């Protein structure tokens, strides 16, 4: 019968059509900040799912969504392509709040999801970016806790000490360096030609130091919250997280 023959043909065509559609996964959660500040009418929340598996490369954005922010905490739901996710890789959620085009709040830590025993939800707590410029960093000392989205586990970690007016110095874990950063508001620009010693460093200090100096060149803004300092790239993602040193 003609009608019977059509069934497998239609089924095959439907299967082929569905085979070309990516399977969508979802991550969700909330975003908030602790400051008692009213949300202005031009505020927007940006949430990103990032692949931070490679410590020697910038994070890869797998999915992103912008929301009109009416209040906090704000709920979000972000869809991504399941085919992009691999076991053994590392994925995180990050959030940023903008007032118009200006970065206002950002996450200063990574929120892992999806792999390595993590689920598909996270509650993001954002911190306000610096508003007092160089004064926020004057006479402070910091030790790197996370580099490129990965917690740093090393006997000697990079350190940076700020004097006043953007003057800084420190160690990459092996070689010492110094220079003067240009700081305006929450923007910070480290010089390309920092003075540094040139000692040969044993592994893994040599690779950690190389990644640290490379990351400094990508820093455009910073956010400080008590004894935590986040150095951010142009997208607002923290690429170096530091903790205050005594």
Protein backbone atom coordinates (compact mmCIF):
# COMPACT_ATOMS: atom_id res chain seq x y z
CA UNK A 1 0.00 0.00 0.00
CA UNK A 2 1.37 3.43 -0.91
CA UNK A 3 0.67 4.89 2.51
CA UNK A 4 2.73 2.23 4.25
CA UNK A 5 5.78 2.90 2.04
CA UNK A 6 5.72 6.62 2.94
CA UNK A 7 6.25 6.05 6.66
CA UNK A 8 9.97 5.12 6.60
CA UNK A 9 10.65 7.84 4.02
CA UNK A 10 9.08 10.51 6.20
CA UNK A 11 10.84 9.12 9.27
CA UNK A 12 14.21 9.18 7.54
CA UNK A 13 13.67 12.75 6.34
CA UNK A 14 12.64 13.84 9.83
CA UNK A 15 15.67 12.13 11.36
CA UNK A 16 18.00 13.85 8.91
CA UNK A 17 16.46 17.21 9.70
CA UNK A 18 16.77 16.69 13.45
CA UNK A 19 20.34 15.45 13.04
CA UNK A 20 21.37 18.91 11.90
CA UNK A 21 19.99 20.62 15.00
CA UNK A 22 22.46 21.12 17.87
CA UNK A 23 21.40 19.73 21.23
CA UNK A 24 21.05 22.63 23.64
CA UNK A 25 22.10 22.55 27.25
CA UNK A 26 21.21 25.13 29.89
CA UNK A 27 23.06 26.74 32.79
CA UNK A 28 21.17 28.92 35.20
CA UNK A 29 21.44 30.78 38.46
CA UNK A 30 21.29 34.23 39.99
CA UNK A 31 23.46 37.34 40.03
CA UNK A 32 23.65 39.88 42.84
CA UNK A 33 25.94 42.28 44.71
CA UNK A 34 26.22 43.01 48.42
CA UNK A 35 26.30 46.80 48.27
CA UNK A 36 23.04 48.55 49.14
CA UNK A 37 22.87 50.44 45.84
CA UNK A 38 19.73 50.87 43.77
CA UNK A 39 19.87 49.50 40.24
CA UNK A 40 19.83 52.40 37.73
CA UNK A 41 17.50 52.26 34.70
CA UNK A 42 20.37 51.83 32.20
CA UNK A 43 21.90 48.79 33.97
CA UNK A 44 22.41 45.53 32.08
CA UNK A 45 23.67 42.14 33.21
CA UNK A 46 25.95 40.09 30.97
CA UNK A 47 26.46 36.40 31.78
CA UNK A 48 29.04 34.26 29.95
CA UNK A 49 29.82 30.54 29.88
CA UNK A 50 33.58 30.29 29.33
CA UNK A 51 36.03 27.49 28.59
CA UNK A 52 39.08 28.12 30.83
CA UNK A 53 40.76 24.75 30.27
CA UNK A 54 43.97 26.22 28.85
CA UNK A 55 45.98 28.17 31.39
CA UNK A 56 48.21 29.64 28.65
CA UNK A 57 45.38 31.04 26.55
CA UNK A 58 42.51 33.50 27.04
CA UNK A 59 39.15 32.09 28.07
CA UNK A 60 36.87 31.06 25.19
CA UNK A 61 33.29 32.31 25.40
CA UNK A 62 30.91 29.46 24.53
CA UNK A 63 27.66 31.32 25.22
CA UNK A 64 26.66 34.80 26.37
CA UNK A 65 23.46 36.65 27.12
CA UNK A 66 22.65 40.25 28.03
CA UNK A 67 19.68 41.06 30.25
CA UNK A 68 18.00 44.32 31.23
CA UNK A 69 18.64 44.52 34.98
CA UNK A 70 15.66 45.61 37.06
CA UNK A 71 16.90 44.54 40.47
CA UNK A 72 19.08 42.06 42.37
CA UNK A 73 19.22 39.19 42.83
CA UNK A 74 18.48 38.64 39.13
CA UNK A 75 17.74 35.20 37.71
CA UNK A 76 19.37 34.09 34.45
CA UNK A 77 19.24 31.14 32.08
CA UNK A 78 21.87 30.62 29.41
CA UNK A 79 21.65 28.11 26.54
CA UNK A 80 24.75 26.50 25.02
CA UNK A 81 25.59 23.85 22.43
CA UNK A 82 26.14 20.45 24.11
CA UNK A 83 28.61 19.50 21.38
CA UNK A 84 31.08 22.09 22.71
CA UNK A 85 31.37 20.46 26.15
CA UNK A 86 34.07 17.86 26.82
CA UNK A 87 34.68 15.88 29.98
CA UNK A 88 38.01 16.73 31.55
CA UNK A 89 37.81 20.35 30.39
CA UNK A 90 37.00 23.25 32.73
CA UNK A 91 34.03 25.59 32.32
CA UNK A 92 33.00 28.60 34.41
CA UNK A 93 30.27 31.21 34.61
CA UNK A 94 31.15 34.88 34.85
CA UNK A 95 28.96 37.94 35.18
CA UNK A 96 29.28 41.68 34.63
CA UNK A 97 26.92 44.60 35.23
CA UNK A 98 27.21 47.69 33.04
CA UNK A 99 25.80 51.19 33.46
CA UNK A 100 25.40 52.15 29.84
CA UNK A 101 28.78 51.20 28.33
CA UNK A 102 30.73 51.45 31.61
CA UNK A 103 31.63 48.36 33.62
CA UNK A 104 30.11 48.75 37.09
CA UNK A 105 30.20 45.34 38.83
CA UNK A 106 31.94 42.09 37.92
CA UNK A 107 32.60 38.64 39.32
CA UNK A 108 36.06 38.47 40.90
CA UNK A 109 36.18 34.68 41.05
CA UNK A 110 35.34 31.80 38.73
CA UNK A 111 32.13 29.80 39.24
CA UNK A 112 32.75 26.28 37.85
CA UNK A 113 29.93 24.38 36.13
CA UNK A 114 29.15 21.28 34.04
CA UNK A 115 32.29 19.13 34.45
CA UNK A 116 34.59 17.84 37.17
CA UNK A 117 31.66 17.11 39.45
CA UNK A 118 29.99 20.50 39.04
CA UNK A 119 26.31 21.03 38.21
CA UNK A 120 24.58 23.37 35.80
CA UNK A 121 23.76 26.20 38.21
CA UNK A 122 25.64 28.91 40.11
CA UNK A 123 24.77 31.95 42.17
CA UNK A 124 27.11 34.78 41.17
CA UNK A 125 28.19 37.49 43.62
CA UNK A 126 29.62 40.54 41.84
CA UNK A 127 31.92 43.22 43.25
CA UNK A 128 32.03 46.90 42.36
CA UNK A 129 34.93 48.00 40.19
CA UNK A 130 37.30 50.63 41.53
CA UNK A 131 36.12 54.22 41.51
CA UNK A 132 38.98 55.95 43.38
CA UNK A 133 41.70 55.07 40.92
CA UNK A 134 45.29 54.67 42.07
CA UNK A 135 44.39 55.47 45.68
CA UNK A 136 42.66 52.08 45.95
CA UNK A 137 45.98 50.34 45.27
CA UNK A 138 48.40 52.69 47.04
CA UNK A 139 50.73 50.94 49.51
CA UNK A 140 49.24 47.47 49.01
CA UNK A 141 50.83 44.06 48.47
CA UNK A 142 49.27 41.16 46.58
CA UNK A 143 49.95 37.50 45.83
CA UNK A 144 48.51 35.72 42.79
CA UNK A 145 45.90 33.11 43.74
CA UNK A 146 44.43 32.35 40.31
CA UNK A 147 45.90 32.80 36.86
CA UNK A 148 43.87 32.48 33.68
CA UNK A 149 40.93 31.01 35.56
CA UNK A 150 43.01 28.28 37.22
CA UNK A 151 43.95 28.19 40.91
CA UNK A 152 47.71 28.55 41.24
CA UNK A 153 49.46 25.70 43.08
CA UNK A 154 53.14 26.55 43.26
CA UNK A 155 55.82 26.85 45.92
CA UNK A 156 56.56 30.43 44.83
CA UNK A 157 53.73 32.53 43.44
CA UNK A 158 53.97 35.85 41.59
CA UNK A 159 53.65 38.91 43.82
CA UNK A 160 53.03 42.57 43.09
CA UNK A 161 53.46 45.56 45.41
CA UNK A 162 52.02 49.00 44.65
CA UNK A 163 53.65 52.12 46.10
CA UNK A 164 51.85 55.35 45.12
CA UNK A 165 50.65 56.86 41.83
CA UNK A 166 50.79 53.53 40.00
CA UNK A 167 54.43 52.73 40.85
CA UNK A 168 54.76 48.98 41.37
CA UNK A 169 57.29 46.20 41.75
CA UNK A 170 57.33 42.53 42.58
CA UNK A 171 58.39 39.09 41.48
CA UNK A 172 57.09 36.67 38.89
CA UNK A 173 58.08 33.85 41.21
CA UNK A 174 61.69 33.94 40.00
CA UNK A 175 62.62 37.28 38.40
CA UNK A 176 61.95 40.67 39.96
CA UNK A 177 60.27 43.49 38.03
CA UNK A 178 59.23 47.12 38.46
CA UNK A 179 57.46 49.86 36.55
CA UNK A 180 54.65 52.41 36.66
CA UNK A 181 51.08 51.66 35.62
CA UNK A 182 48.69 54.24 34.24
CA UNK A 183 45.59 54.23 36.45
CA UNK A 184 42.43 56.26 35.86
CA UNK A 185 39.19 55.37 37.60
CA UNK A 186 38.99 51.59 37.39
CA UNK A 187 41.24 51.45 34.30
CA UNK A 188 44.81 50.23 34.64
CA UNK A 189 47.48 49.81 31.97
CA UNK A 190 50.74 48.02 32.75
CA UNK A 191 53.73 49.13 30.63
CA UNK A 192 55.12 46.88 27.90
CA UNK A 193 58.71 47.69 28.85
CA UNK A 194 58.84 46.80 32.54
CA UNK A 195 62.33 46.59 34.00
CA UNK A 196 63.03 43.00 35.07
CA UNK A 197 65.89 40.69 35.93
CA UNK A 198 66.67 37.91 33.46
CA UNK A 199 67.56 34.88 35.56
CA UNK A 200 66.89 31.41 34.18
CA UNK A 201 64.01 29.87 36.14
CA UNK A 202 63.46 26.18 36.83
CA UNK A 203 60.14 24.55 35.87
CA UNK A 204 57.34 25.04 36.65
CA UNK A 205 58.27 28.57 37.80
CA UNK A 206 59.43 29.51 34.30
CA UNK A 207 56.02 28.75 32.75
CA UNK A 208 54.06 30.38 35.58
CA UNK A 209 56.17 33.52 35.29
CA UNK A 210 55.75 33.60 31.51
CA UNK A 211 51.96 33.32 31.85
CA UNK A 212 51.89 36.01 34.55
CA UNK A 213 53.82 38.59 32.52
CA UNK A 214 51.73 37.79 29.43
CA UNK A 215 48.50 38.19 31.41
CA UNK A 216 49.56 41.61 32.74
CA UNK A 217 49.65 42.91 29.17
CA UNK A 218 45.98 41.97 28.71
CA UNK A 219 44.79 43.80 31.84
CA UNK A 220 42.60 46.85 31.23
CA UNK A 221 40.59 47.29 34.45
CA UNK A 222 40.61 46.20 38.09
CA UNK A 223 38.17 45.52 40.89
CA UNK A 224 39.10 45.48 44.57
CA UNK A 225 37.01 44.07 47.40
CA UNK A 226 38.71 44.11 50.83
CA UNK A 227 41.63 41.66 50.58
CA UNK A 228 40.83 40.50 47.04
CA UNK A 229 41.97 42.11 43.80
CA UNK A 230 40.82 41.12 40.33
CA UNK A 231 42.70 42.27 37.22
CA UNK A 232 40.33 42.14 34.25
CA UNK A 233 40.66 42.07 30.49
CA UNK A 234 38.69 44.19 28.02
CA UNK A 235 35.68 41.85 28.20
CA UNK A 236 35.49 42.24 31.99
CA UNK A 237 36.74 38.71 32.70
CA UNK A 238 39.20 38.35 35.62
CA UNK A 239 42.47 36.99 34.23
CA UNK A 240 44.54 37.44 37.41
CA UNK A 241 43.04 37.06 40.88
CA UNK A 242 45.14 38.13 43.86
CA UNK A 243 44.85 38.11 47.63
CA UNK A 244 46.26 40.73 49.98
CA UNK A 245 49.60 40.00 51.57
CA UNK A 246 50.39 40.99 55.17
